[in-house]
Amino acid sequence: MVGVTPVSYLLGLKDSLVCSIKTTGSSAQRSGTLYVADGELRADLTGATMISDGAYLYEWQKGATKGLKLPATSSVAGSAIAANGGFDLATPLSFACNPWTTDASFFTPPDSVSFSNSL
């Protein structure tokens, strides 16, 4: 599966997928690997990781002990996550996906990172 679309499209498929992604149409380009399954996602990007469990967005920098945790429906969540190295889930992505066997641990934020609504 190849295309250009926001993440909501991939989440709506209800498939377990692993995708190579690159943001398009924004000034801060991000690329990496996106995992989606059961309405959740994880994006391992260059320098940062983000997880959405449907209720919250978590984002942290590689090696950091502090990260962001924001309500997924917050009007500022996307821009705050993008400013810290992630991307707004409404940002168009170019992607190439393949089926993936779900590993639930991919969607659990690490215990080694302390999450708050600001850094």
PDB file of N, CA and C in Angstrom:
ATOM      1  N   MET A   1       0.839  -1.166   0.000  1.00  0.00           N
ATOM      2  CA  MET A   1       0.000   0.000   0.000  1.00  0.00           C
ATOM      3  C   MET A   1       0.893   1.241   0.000  1.00  0.00           C
ATOM      4  N   VAL A   2       0.665   2.140  -0.938  1.00  0.00           N
ATOM      5  CA  VAL A   2       1.450   3.359  -1.076  1.00  0.00           C
ATOM      6  C   VAL A   2       0.476   4.510  -1.258  1.00  0.00           C
ATOM      7  N   GLY A   3       0.785   5.681  -0.694  1.00  0.00           N
ATOM      8  CA  GLY A   3      -0.100   6.817  -0.887  1.00  0.00           C
ATOM      9  C   GLY A   3       0.365   8.050  -0.156  1.00  0.00           C
ATOM     10  N   VAL A   4      -0.470   9.095  -0.210  1.00  0.00           N
ATOM     11  CA  VAL A   4      -0.247  10.335   0.524  1.00  0.00           C
ATOM     12  C   VAL A   4      -1.555  10.663   1.215  1.00  0.00           C
ATOM     13  N   THR A   5      -1.525  10.753   2.542  1.00  0.00           N
ATOM     14  CA  THR A   5      -2.748  10.964   3.310  1.00  0.00           C
ATOM     15  C   THR A   5      -2.403  11.280   4.761  1.00  0.00           C
ATOM     16  N   PRO A   6      -3.334  11.838   5.539  1.00  0.00           N
ATOM     17  CA  PRO A   6      -3.093  11.970   6.980  1.00  0.00           C
ATOM     18  C   PRO A   6      -3.127  10.603   7.670  1.00  0.00           C
ATOM     19  N   VAL A   7      -2.570  10.532   8.849  1.00  0.00           N
ATOM     20  CA  VAL A   7      -2.518   9.293   9.626  1.00  0.00           C
ATOM     21  C   VAL A   7      -3.923   8.742   9.887  1.00  0.00           C
ATOM     22  N   SER A   8      -4.916   9.608  10.008  1.00  0.00           N
ATOM     23  CA  SER A   8      -6.276   9.147  10.304  1.00  0.00           C
ATOM     24  C   SER A   8      -6.753   8.108   9.293  1.00  0.00           C
ATOM     25  N   TYR A   9      -6.329   8.230   8.056  1.00  0.00           N
ATOM     26  CA  TYR A   9      -6.692   7.242   7.035  1.00  0.00           C
ATOM     27  C   TYR A   9      -6.127   5.866   7.401  1.00  0.00           C
ATOM     28  N   LEU A  10      -4.856   5.813   7.759  1.00  0.00           N
ATOM     29  CA  LEU A  10      -4.219   4.542   8.106  1.00  0.00           C
ATOM     30  C   LEU A  10      -4.846   3.938   9.356  1.00  0.00           C
ATOM     31  N   LEU A  11      -5.152   4.778  10.355  1.00  0.00           N
ATOM     32  CA  LEU A  11      -5.796   4.280  11.568  1.00  0.00           C
ATOM     33  C   LEU A  11      -7.188   3.737  11.265  1.00  0.00           C
ATOM     34  N   GLY A  12      -7.876   4.359  10.331  1.00  0.00           N
ATOM     35  CA  GLY A  12      -9.223   3.944   9.975  1.00  0.00           C
ATOM     36  C   GLY A  12      -9.301   2.610   9.256  1.00  0.00           C
ATOM     37  N   LEU A  13      -8.184   2.137   8.732  1.00  0.00           N
ATOM     38  CA  LEU A  13      -8.182   0.861   8.017  1.00  0.00           C
ATOM     39  C   LEU A  13      -8.369  -0.334   8.936  1.00  0.00           C
ATOM     40  N   LYS A  14      -8.080  -0.178  10.214  1.00  0.00           N
ATOM     41  CA  LYS A  14      -8.205  -1.257  11.198  1.00  0.00           C
ATOM     42  C   LYS A  14      -7.287  -2.432  10.903  1.00  0.00           C
ATOM     43  N   ASP A  15      -6.225  -2.185  10.134  1.00  0.00           N
ATOM     44  CA  ASP A  15      -5.233  -3.213   9.847  1.00  0.00           C
ATOM     45  C   ASP A  15      -4.004  -2.971  10.714  1.00  0.00           C
ATOM     46  N   SER A  16      -3.234  -4.016  10.948  1.00  0.00           N
ATOM     47  CA  SER A  16      -1.930  -3.871  11.596  1.00  0.00           C
ATOM     48  C   SER A  16      -0.912  -3.659  10.488  1.00  0.00           C
ATOM     49  N   LEU A  17      -0.298  -2.464  10.489  1.00  0.00           N
ATOM     50  CA  LEU A  17       0.608  -2.088   9.414  1.00  0.00           C
ATOM     51  C   LEU A  17       1.911  -1.529   9.965  1.00  0.00           C
ATOM     52  N   VAL A  18       2.981  -1.731   9.217  1.00  0.00           N
ATOM     53  CA  VAL A  18       4.246  -1.042   9.449  1.00  0.00           C
ATOM     54  C   VAL A  18       4.516  -0.273   8.163  1.00  0.00           C
ATOM     55  N   CYS A  19       4.811   1.020   8.314  1.00  0.00           N
ATOM     56  CA  CYS A  19       4.930   1.899   7.144  1.00  0.00           C
ATOM     57  C   CYS A  19       6.205   2.731   7.215  1.00  0.00           C
ATOM     58  N   SER A  20       6.848   2.897   6.090  1.00  0.00           N
ATOM     59  CA  SER A  20       7.897   3.906   5.948  1.00  0.00           C
ATOM     60  C   SER A  20       7.168   5.195   5.623  1.00  0.00           C
ATOM     61  N   ILE A  21       7.457   6.263   6.384  1.00  0.00           N
ATOM     62  CA  ILE A  21       6.714   7.508   6.202  1.00  0.00           C
ATOM     63  C   ILE A  21       7.645   8.698   6.011  1.00  0.00           C
ATOM     64  N   LYS A  22       7.088   9.735   5.406  1.00  0.00           N
ATOM     65  CA  LYS A  22       7.742  11.032   5.298  1.00  0.00           C
ATOM     66  C   LYS A  22       6.638  12.073   5.267  1.00  0.00           C
ATOM     67  N   THR A  23       6.764  13.095   6.121  1.00  0.00           N
ATOM     68  CA  THR A  23       5.754  14.147   6.098  1.00  0.00           C
ATOM     69  C   THR A  23       5.903  14.949   4.814  1.00  0.00           C
ATOM     70  N   THR A  24       4.779  15.456   4.327  1.00  0.00           N
ATOM     71  CA  THR A  24       4.782  16.280   3.123  1.00  0.00           C
ATOM     72  C   THR A  24       4.019  17.564   3.433  1.00  0.00           C
ATOM     73  N   GLY A  25       4.343  18.624   2.735  1.00  0.00           N
ATOM     74  CA  GLY A  25       3.592  19.858   2.861  1.00  0.00           C
ATOM     75  C   GLY A  25       3.822  20.646   4.125  1.00  0.00           C
ATOM     76  N   SER A  26       4.851  20.343   4.891  1.00  0.00           N
ATOM     77  CA  SER A  26       5.146  21.148   6.079  1.00  0.00           C
ATOM     78  C   SER A  26       6.608  21.569   6.026  1.00  0.00           C
ATOM     79  N   SER A  27       6.926  22.603   6.766  1.00  0.00           N
ATOM     80  CA  SER A  27       8.295  23.123   6.729  1.00  0.00           C
ATOM     81  C   SER A  27       9.283  22.196   7.438  1.00  0.00           C
ATOM     82  N   ALA A  28       8.833  21.533   8.500  1.00  0.00           N
ATOM     83  CA  ALA A  28       9.705  20.620   9.244  1.00  0.00           C
ATOM     84  C   ALA A  28       9.455  19.198   8.761  1.00  0.00           C
ATOM     85  N   GLN A  29      10.297  18.707   7.875  1.00  0.00           N
ATOM     86  CA  GLN A  29      10.129  17.363   7.332  1.00  0.00           C
ATOM     87  C   GLN A  29      10.527  16.316   8.371  1.00  0.00           C
ATOM     88  N   ARG A  30       9.722  15.294   8.493  1.00  0.00           N
ATOM     89  CA  ARG A  30       9.992  14.170   9.387  1.00  0.00           C
ATOM     90  C   ARG A  30       9.907  12.894   8.560  1.00  0.00           C
ATOM     91  N   SER A  31      10.719  11.916   8.925  1.00  0.00           N
ATOM     92  CA  SER A  31      10.641  10.615   8.270  1.00  0.00           C
ATOM     93  C   SER A  31      10.946   9.538   9.300  1.00  0.00           C
ATOM     94  N   GLY A  32      10.500   8.331   9.005  1.00  0.00           N
ATOM     95  CA  GLY A  32      10.748   7.236   9.916  1.00  0.00           C
ATOM     96  C   GLY A  32       9.824   6.077   9.647  1.00  0.00           C
ATOM     97  N   THR A  33       9.538   5.318  10.708  1.00  0.00           N
ATOM     98  CA  THR A  33       8.696   4.130  10.618  1.00  0.00           C
ATOM     99  C   THR A  33       7.466   4.330  11.482  1.00  0.00           C
ATOM    100  N   LEU A  34       6.306   4.031  10.926  1.00  0.00           N
ATOM    101  CA  LEU A  34       5.032   4.160  11.618  1.00  0.00           C
ATOM    102  C   LEU A  34       4.427   2.774  11.781  1.00  0.00           C
ATOM    103  N   TYR A  35       3.973   2.475  12.994  1.00  0.00           N
ATOM    104  CA  TYR A  35       3.279   1.228  13.290  1.00  0.00           C
ATOM    105  C   TYR A  35       1.846   1.584  13.673  1.00  0.00           C
ATOM    106  N   VAL A  36       0.864   0.935  13.087  1.00  0.00           N
ATOM    107  CA  VAL A  36      -0.534   1.158  13.442  1.00  0.00           C
ATOM    108  C   VAL A  36      -1.219  -0.175  13.685  1.00  0.00           C
ATOM    109  N   ALA A  37      -2.095  -0.196  14.703  1.00  0.00           N
ATOM    110  CA  ALA A  37      -2.885  -1.392  15.010  1.00  0.00           C
ATOM    111  C   ALA A  37      -3.969  -1.007  16.003  1.00  0.00           C
ATOM    112  N   ASP A  38      -5.158  -1.472  15.771  1.00  0.00           N
ATOM    113  CA  ASP A  38      -6.267  -1.308  16.717  1.00  0.00           C
ATOM    114  C   ASP A  38      -6.464   0.140  17.161  1.00  0.00           C
ATOM    115  N   GLY A  39      -6.345   1.099  16.252  1.00  0.00           N
ATOM    116  CA  GLY A  39      -6.571   2.509  16.567  1.00  0.00           C
ATOM    117  C   GLY A  39      -5.425   3.192  17.285  1.00  0.00           C
ATOM    118  N   GLU A  40      -4.296   2.513  17.441  1.00  0.00           N
ATOM    119  CA  GLU A  40      -3.124   3.098  18.091  1.00  0.00           C
ATOM    120  C   GLU A  40      -2.009   3.252  17.071  1.00  0.00           C
ATOM    121  N   LEU A  41      -1.069   4.133  17.387  1.00  0.00           N
ATOM    122  CA  LEU A  41       0.070   4.294  16.487  1.00  0.00           C
ATOM    123  C   LEU A  41       1.338   4.567  17.273  1.00  0.00           C
ATOM    124  N   ARG A  42       2.438   4.244  16.631  1.00  0.00           N
ATOM    125  CA  ARG A  42       3.767   4.587  17.120  1.00  0.00           C
ATOM    126  C   ARG A  42       4.564   5.034  15.905  1.00  0.00           C
ATOM    127  N   ALA A  43       5.242   6.158  16.037  1.00  0.00           N
ATOM    128  CA  ALA A  43       6.118   6.649  14.983  1.00  0.00           C
ATOM    129  C   ALA A  43       7.521   6.762  15.545  1.00  0.00           C
ATOM    130  N   ASP A  44       8.444   6.003  14.985  1.00  0.00           N
ATOM    131  CA  ASP A  44       9.861   6.106  15.325  1.00  0.00           C
ATOM    132  C   ASP A  44      10.485   6.979  14.246  1.00  0.00           C
ATOM    133  N   LEU A  45      10.771   8.219  14.622  1.00  0.00           N
ATOM    134  CA  LEU A  45      11.269   9.216  13.692  1.00  0.00           C
ATOM    135  C   LEU A  45      12.745   9.464  13.932  1.00  0.00           C
ATOM    136  N   THR A  46      13.367  10.194  13.046  1.00  0.00           N
ATOM    137  CA  THR A  46      14.756  10.583  13.250  1.00  0.00           C
ATOM    138  C   THR A  46      14.817  11.495  14.464  1.00  0.00           C
ATOM    139  N   GLY A  47      15.355  11.013  15.575  1.00  0.00           N
ATOM    140  CA  GLY A  47      15.529  11.823  16.773  1.00  0.00           C
ATOM    141  C   GLY A  47      14.391  11.812  17.763  1.00  0.00           C
ATOM    142  N   ALA A  48      13.226  11.280  17.414  1.00  0.00           N
ATOM    143  CA  ALA A  48      12.080  11.328  18.323  1.00  0.00           C
ATOM    144  C   ALA A  48      11.166  10.133  18.102  1.00  0.00           C
ATOM    145  N   THR A  49      10.351   9.861  19.128  1.00  0.00           N
ATOM    146  CA  THR A  49       9.337   8.818  19.043  1.00  0.00           C
ATOM    147  C   THR A  49       8.034   9.411  19.534  1.00  0.00           C
ATOM    148  N   MET A  50       6.938   9.010  18.909  1.00  0.00           N
ATOM    149  CA  MET A  50       5.629   9.427  19.391  1.00  0.00           C
ATOM    150  C   MET A  50       4.671   8.247  19.362  1.00  0.00           C
ATOM    151  N   ILE A  51       3.748   8.247  20.325  1.00  0.00           N
ATOM    152  CA  ILE A  51       2.730   7.209  20.447  1.00  0.00           C
ATOM    153  C   ILE A  51       1.384   7.898  20.621  1.00  0.00           C
ATOM    154  N   SER A  52       0.356   7.362  19.988  1.00  0.00           N
ATOM    155  CA  SER A  52      -1.015   7.792  20.235  1.00  0.00           C
ATOM    156  C   SER A  52      -1.812   6.556  20.606  1.00  0.00           C
ATOM    157  N   ASP A  53      -2.445   6.610  21.783  1.00  0.00           N
ATOM    158  CA  ASP A  53      -3.301   5.503  22.194  1.00  0.00           C
ATOM    159  C   ASP A  53      -4.771   5.820  21.954  1.00  0.00           C
ATOM    160  N   GLY A  54      -5.023   6.895  21.216  1.00  0.00           N
ATOM    161  CA  GLY A  54      -6.389   7.329  20.942  1.00  0.00           C
ATOM    162  C   GLY A  54      -6.854   8.418  21.889  1.00  0.00           C
ATOM    163  N   ALA A  55      -6.412   8.358  23.137  1.00  0.00           N
ATOM    164  CA  ALA A  55      -6.777   9.373  24.131  1.00  0.00           C
ATOM    165  C   ALA A  55      -5.671  10.409  24.299  1.00  0.00           C
ATOM    166  N   TYR A  56      -4.415   9.968  24.272  1.00  0.00           N
ATOM    167  CA  TYR A  56      -3.275  10.856  24.483  1.00  0.00           C
ATOM    168  C   TYR A  56      -2.222  10.687  23.395  1.00  0.00           C
ATOM    169  N   LEU A  57      -1.487  11.757  23.173  1.00  0.00           N
ATOM    170  CA  LEU A  57      -0.288  11.735  22.330  1.00  0.00           C
ATOM    171  C   LEU A  57       0.913  11.854  23.257  1.00  0.00           C
ATOM    172  N   TYR A  58       1.858  10.959  23.097  1.00  0.00           N
ATOM    173  CA  TYR A  58       3.111  10.986  23.859  1.00  0.00           C
ATOM    174  C   TYR A  58       4.236  11.243  22.867  1.00  0.00           C
ATOM    175  N   GLU A  59       5.197  12.071  23.249  1.00  0.00           N
ATOM    176  CA  GLU A  59       6.337  12.323  22.370  1.00  0.00           C
ATOM    177  C   GLU A  59       7.557  12.551  23.234  1.00  0.00           C
ATOM    178  N   TRP A  60       8.685  11.958  22.814  1.00  0.00           N
ATOM    179  CA  TRP A  60       9.941  12.163  23.522  1.00  0.00           C
ATOM    180  C   TRP A  60      11.094  12.063  22.544  1.00  0.00           C
ATOM    181  N   GLN A  61      12.161  12.744  22.887  1.00  0.00           N
ATOM    182  CA  GLN A  61      13.389  12.721  22.098  1.00  0.00           C
ATOM    183  C   GLN A  61      14.182  11.472  22.476  1.00  0.00           C
ATOM    184  N   LYS A  62      14.944  10.945  21.534  1.00  0.00           N
ATOM    185  CA  LYS A  62      15.792   9.778  21.811  1.00  0.00           C
ATOM    186  C   LYS A  62      16.733  10.105  22.970  1.00  0.00           C
ATOM    187  N   GLY A  63      16.772   9.250  23.967  1.00  0.00           N
ATOM    188  CA  GLY A  63      17.660   9.413  25.109  1.00  0.00           C
ATOM    189  C   GLY A  63      17.161  10.374  26.173  1.00  0.00           C
ATOM    190  N   ALA A  64      16.026  11.020  25.982  1.00  0.00           N
ATOM    191  CA  ALA A  64      15.508  11.994  26.944  1.00  0.00           C
ATOM    192  C   ALA A  64      14.830  11.301  28.116  1.00  0.00           C
ATOM    193  N   THR A  65      14.771  11.989  29.251  1.00  0.00           N
ATOM    194  CA  THR A  65      14.068  11.474  30.416  1.00  0.00           C
ATOM    195  C   THR A  65      12.733  12.184  30.625  1.00  0.00           C
ATOM    196  N   LYS A  66      12.476  13.225  29.816  1.00  0.00           N
ATOM    197  CA  LYS A  66      11.208  13.956  29.891  1.00  0.00           C
ATOM    198  C   LYS A  66      10.573  13.989  28.502  1.00  0.00           C
ATOM    199  N   GLY A  67       9.240  13.930  28.486  1.00  0.00           N
ATOM    200  CA  GLY A  67       8.519  13.990  27.227  1.00  0.00           C
ATOM    201  C   GLY A  67       7.180  14.660  27.405  1.00  0.00           C
ATOM    202  N   LEU A  68       6.468  14.820  26.313  1.00  0.00           N
ATOM    203  CA  LEU A  68       5.148  15.446  26.314  1.00  0.00           C
ATOM    204  C   LEU A  68       4.048  14.398  26.344  1.00  0.00           C
ATOM    205  N   LYS A  69       2.976  14.696  27.071  1.00  0.00           N
ATOM    206  CA  LYS A  69       1.756  13.886  27.064  1.00  0.00           C
ATOM    207  C   LYS A  69       0.608  14.884  26.967  1.00  0.00           C
ATOM    208  N   LEU A  70      -0.102  14.855  25.857  1.00  0.00           N
ATOM    209  CA  LEU A  70      -1.189  15.806  25.618  1.00  0.00           C
ATOM    210  C   LEU A  70      -2.441  15.064  25.186  1.00  0.00           C
ATOM    211  N   PRO A  71      -3.625  15.575  25.558  1.00  0.00           N
ATOM    212  CA  PRO A  71      -4.856  14.954  25.064  1.00  0.00           C
ATOM    213  C   PRO A  71      -4.859  14.951  23.535  1.00  0.00           C
ATOM    214  N   ALA A  72      -5.200  13.843  22.942  1.00  0.00           N
ATOM    215  CA  ALA A  72      -5.173  13.715  21.482  1.00  0.00           C
ATOM    216  C   ALA A  72      -6.120  14.697  20.811  1.00  0.00           C
ATOM    217  N   THR A  73      -7.187  15.082  21.503  1.00  0.00           N
ATOM    218  CA  THR A  73      -8.170  15.988  20.926  1.00  0.00           C
ATOM    219  C   THR A  73      -7.867  17.459  21.192  1.00  0.00           C
ATOM    220  N   SER A  74      -6.789  17.737  21.898  1.00  0.00           N
ATOM    221  CA  SER A  74      -6.422  19.123  22.199  1.00  0.00           C
ATOM    222  C   SER A  74      -6.104  19.882  20.916  1.00  0.00           C
ATOM    223  N   SER A  75      -6.548  21.128  20.852  1.00  0.00           N
ATOM    224  CA  SER A  75      -6.303  21.939  19.658  1.00  0.00           C
ATOM    225  C   SER A  75      -4.830  22.296  19.508  1.00  0.00           C
ATOM    226  N   VAL A  76      -4.053  22.221  20.573  1.00  0.00           N
ATOM    227  CA  VAL A  76      -2.630  22.559  20.500  1.00  0.00           C
ATOM    228  C   VAL A  76      -1.732  21.332  20.479  1.00  0.00           C
ATOM    229  N   ALA A  77      -2.294  20.136  20.641  1.00  0.00           N
ATOM    230  CA  ALA A  77      -1.473  18.923  20.726  1.00  0.00           C
ATOM    231  C   ALA A  77      -0.595  18.732  19.506  1.00  0.00           C
ATOM    232  N   GLY A  78      -1.172  18.839  18.327  1.00  0.00           N
ATOM    233  CA  GLY A  78      -0.411  18.600  17.098  1.00  0.00           C
ATOM    234  C   GLY A  78       0.746  19.546  16.935  1.00  0.00           C
ATOM    235  N   SER A  79       0.530  20.839  17.166  1.00  0.00           N
ATOM    236  CA  SER A  79       1.616  21.809  16.990  1.00  0.00           C
ATOM    237  C   SER A  79       2.670  21.661  18.080  1.00  0.00           C
ATOM    238  N   ALA A  80       2.258  21.333  19.310  1.00  0.00           N
ATOM    239  CA  ALA A  80       3.231  21.142  20.392  1.00  0.00           C
ATOM    240  C   ALA A  80       4.094  19.911  20.133  1.00  0.00           C
ATOM    241  N   ILE A  81       3.480  18.835  19.693  1.00  0.00           N
ATOM    242  CA  ILE A  81       4.221  17.607  19.383  1.00  0.00           C
ATOM    243  C   ILE A  81       5.175  17.870  18.215  1.00  0.00           C
ATOM    244  N   ALA A  82       4.693  18.554  17.183  1.00  0.00           N
ATOM    245  CA  ALA A  82       5.533  18.854  16.018  1.00  0.00           C
ATOM    246  C   ALA A  82       6.718  19.734  16.399  1.00  0.00           C
ATOM    247  N   ALA A  83       6.514  20.683  17.297  1.00  0.00           N
ATOM    248  CA  ALA A  83       7.595  21.579  17.717  1.00  0.00           C
ATOM    249  C   ALA A  83       8.668  20.831  18.494  1.00  0.00           C
ATOM    250  N   ASN A  84       8.315  19.664  19.050  1.00  0.00           N
ATOM    251  CA  ASN A  84       9.274  18.898  19.845  1.00  0.00           C
ATOM    252  C   ASN A  84       9.860  17.715  19.079  1.00  0.00           C
ATOM    253  N   GLY A  85       9.633  17.630  17.773  1.00  0.00           N
ATOM    254  CA  GLY A  85      10.274  16.581  16.986  1.00  0.00           C
ATOM    255  C   GLY A  85       9.337  15.554  16.394  1.00  0.00           C
ATOM    256  N   GLY A  86       8.048  15.599  16.772  1.00  0.00           N
ATOM    257  CA  GLY A  86       7.063  14.694  16.198  1.00  0.00           C
ATOM    258  C   GLY A  86       6.384  15.367  15.024  1.00  0.00           C
ATOM    259  N   PHE A  87       5.137  14.956  14.753  1.00  0.00           N
ATOM    260  CA  PHE A  87       4.379  15.616  13.699  1.00  0.00           C
ATOM    261  C   PHE A  87       2.904  15.623  14.071  1.00  0.00           C
ATOM    262  N   ASP A  88       2.205  16.615  13.553  1.00  0.00           N
ATOM    263  CA  ASP A  88       0.768  16.731  13.744  1.00  0.00           C
ATOM    264  C   ASP A  88       0.103  15.589  12.975  1.00  0.00           C
ATOM    265  N   LEU A  89      -0.825  14.885  13.611  1.00  0.00           N
ATOM    266  CA  LEU A  89      -1.463  13.737  12.964  1.00  0.00           C
ATOM    267  C   LEU A  89      -2.282  14.132  11.742  1.00  0.00           C
ATOM    268  N   ALA A  90      -2.574  15.420  11.585  1.00  0.00           N
ATOM    269  CA  ALA A  90      -3.303  15.893  10.405  1.00  0.00           C
ATOM    270  C   ALA A  90      -2.365  16.212   9.241  1.00  0.00           C
ATOM    271  N   THR A  91      -1.062  16.154   9.470  1.00  0.00           N
ATOM    272  CA  THR A  91      -0.075  16.433   8.430  1.00  0.00           C
ATOM    273  C   THR A  91      -0.121  15.343   7.364  1.00  0.00           C
ATOM    274  N   PRO A  92      -0.155  15.719   6.091  1.00  0.00           N
ATOM    275  CA  PRO A  92      -0.105  14.691   5.043  1.00  0.00           C
ATOM    276  C   PRO A  92       1.219  13.916   5.085  1.00  0.00           C
ATOM    277  N   LEU A  93       1.131  12.629   4.835  1.00  0.00           N
ATOM    278  CA  LEU A  93       2.303  11.747   4.819  1.00  0.00           C
ATOM    279  C   LEU A  93       2.384  11.035   3.477  1.00  0.00           C
ATOM    280  N   SER A  94       3.598  10.844   3.013  1.00  0.00           N
ATOM    281  CA  SER A  94       3.779   9.855   1.955  1.00  0.00           C
ATOM    282  C   SER A  94       4.174   8.580   2.686  1.00  0.00           C
ATOM    283  N   PHE A  95       3.652   7.462   2.240  1.00  0.00           N
ATOM    284  CA  PHE A  95       3.892   6.217   2.974  1.00  0.00           C
ATOM    285  C   PHE A  95       3.909   5.019   2.050  1.00  0.00           C
ATOM    286  N   ALA A  96       4.580   3.988   2.525  1.00  0.00           N
ATOM    287  CA  ALA A  96       4.563   2.669   1.903  1.00  0.00           C
ATOM    288  C   ALA A  96       4.415   1.684   3.054  1.00  0.00           C
ATOM    289  N   CYS A  97       3.350   0.884   3.037  1.00  0.00           N
ATOM    290  CA  CYS A  97       3.018   0.017   4.172  1.00  0.00           C
ATOM    291  C   CYS A  97       3.008  -1.455   3.801  1.00  0.00           C
ATOM    292  N   ASN A  98       3.235  -2.262   4.814  1.00  0.00           N
ATOM    293  CA  ASN A  98       3.133  -3.709   4.719  1.00  0.00           C
ATOM    294  C   ASN A  98       2.411  -4.225   5.951  1.00  0.00           C
ATOM    295  N   PRO A  99       1.804  -5.403   5.875  1.00  0.00           N
ATOM    296  CA  PRO A  99       1.181  -6.000   7.059  1.00  0.00           C
ATOM    297  C   PRO A  99       2.219  -6.206   8.157  1.00  0.00           C
ATOM    298  N   TRP A 100       1.759  -6.170   9.405  1.00  0.00           N
ATOM    299  CA  TRP A 100       2.634  -6.277  10.561  1.00  0.00           C
ATOM    300  C   TRP A 100       1.926  -7.088  11.632  1.00  0.00           C
ATOM    301  N   THR A 101       2.640  -7.959  12.298  1.00  0.00           N
ATOM    302  CA  THR A 101       2.092  -8.684  13.433  1.00  0.00           C
ATOM    303  C   THR A 101       2.197  -7.788  14.655  1.00  0.00           C
ATOM    304  N   THR A 102       1.066  -7.435  15.210  1.00  0.00           N
ATOM    305  CA  THR A 102       1.003  -6.460  16.297  1.00  0.00           C
ATOM    306  C   THR A 102       1.829  -6.898  17.499  1.00  0.00           C
ATOM    307  N   ASP A 103       2.591  -5.950  18.024  1.00  0.00           N
ATOM    308  CA  ASP A 103       3.319  -6.116  19.271  1.00  0.00           C
ATOM    309  C   ASP A 103       2.826  -5.001  20.186  1.00  0.00           C
ATOM    310  N   ALA A 104       1.934  -5.326  21.139  1.00  0.00           N
ATOM    311  CA  ALA A 104       1.295  -4.322  21.994  1.00  0.00           C
ATOM    312  C   ALA A 104       2.307  -3.471  22.759  1.00  0.00           C
ATOM    313  N   SER A 105       3.499  -3.998  23.028  1.00  0.00           N
ATOM    314  CA  SER A 105       4.495  -3.224  23.774  1.00  0.00           C
ATOM    315  C   SER A 105       4.954  -1.980  23.004  1.00  0.00           C
ATOM    316  N   PHE A 106       4.803  -1.982  21.686  1.00  0.00           N
ATOM    317  CA  PHE A 106       5.182  -0.816  20.876  1.00  0.00           C
ATOM    318  C   PHE A 106       4.330   0.403  21.210  1.00  0.00           C
ATOM    319  N   PHE A 107       3.142   0.197  21.768  1.00  0.00           N
ATOM    320  CA  PHE A 107       2.216   1.282  22.026  1.00  0.00           C
ATOM    321  C   PHE A 107       2.181   1.703  23.498  1.00  0.00           C
ATOM    322  N   THR A 108       3.156   1.244  24.269  1.00  0.00           N
ATOM    323  CA  THR A 108       3.268   1.594  25.680  1.00  0.00           C
ATOM    324  C   THR A 108       4.420   2.575  25.858  1.00  0.00           C
ATOM    325  N   PRO A 109       4.137   3.775  26.380  1.00  0.00           N
ATOM    326  CA  PRO A 109       5.231   4.729  26.616  1.00  0.00           C
ATOM    327  C   PRO A 109       6.245   4.143  27.602  1.00  0.00           C
ATOM    328  N   PRO A 110       7.519   4.464  27.430  1.00  0.00           N
ATOM    329  CA  PRO A 110       8.551   3.889  28.300  1.00  0.00           C
ATOM    330  C   PRO A 110       8.472   4.420  29.732  1.00  0.00           C
ATOM    331  N   ASP A 111       8.742   3.540  30.693  1.00  0.00           N
ATOM    332  CA  ASP A 111       8.774   3.938  32.107  1.00  0.00           C
ATOM    333  C   ASP A 111       9.938   4.876  32.411  1.00  0.00           C
ATOM    334  N   SER A 112      10.967   4.843  31.576  1.00  0.00           N
ATOM    335  CA  SER A 112      12.160   5.666  31.820  1.00  0.00           C
ATOM    336  C   SER A 112      11.964   7.133  31.456  1.00  0.00           C
ATOM    337  N   VAL A 113      10.817   7.475  30.872  1.00  0.00           N
ATOM    338  CA  VAL A 113      10.514   8.858  30.489  1.00  0.00           C
ATOM    339  C   VAL A 113       9.362   9.376  31.343  1.00  0.00           C
ATOM    340  N   SER A 114       9.539  10.557  31.907  1.00  0.00           N
ATOM    341  CA  SER A 114       8.516  11.229  32.682  1.00  0.00           C
ATOM    342  C   SER A 114       7.743  12.155  31.743  1.00  0.00           C
ATOM    343  N   PHE A 115       6.429  11.956  31.648  1.00  0.00           N
ATOM    344  CA  PHE A 115       5.617  12.714  30.708  1.00  0.00           C
ATOM    345  C   PHE A 115       4.810  13.786  31.432  1.00  0.00           C
ATOM    346  N   SER A 116       4.762  14.989  30.833  1.00  0.00           N
ATOM    347  CA  SER A 116       3.938  16.078  31.343  1.00  0.00           C
ATOM    348  C   SER A 116       3.390  16.861  30.160  1.00  0.00           C
ATOM    349  N   ASN A 117       2.537  17.846  30.438  1.00  0.00           N
ATOM    350  CA  ASN A 117       1.955  18.625  29.343  1.00  0.00           C
ATOM    351  C   ASN A 117       2.852  19.781  28.910  1.00  0.00           C
ATOM    352  N   SER A 118       4.063  19.836  29.435  1.00  0.00           N
ATOM    353  CA  SER A 118       5.070  20.806  28.984  1.00  0.00           C
ATOM    354  C   SER A 118       6.449  20.266  29.331  1.00  0.00           C
ATOM    355  N   LEU A 119       7.451  20.713  28.583  1.00  0.00           N
ATOM    356  CA  LEU A 119       8.824  20.268  28.874  1.00  0.00           C
ATOM    357  C   LEU A 119       9.477  21.216  29.792  1.00  0.00           C
TER     358      LEU A 119
END
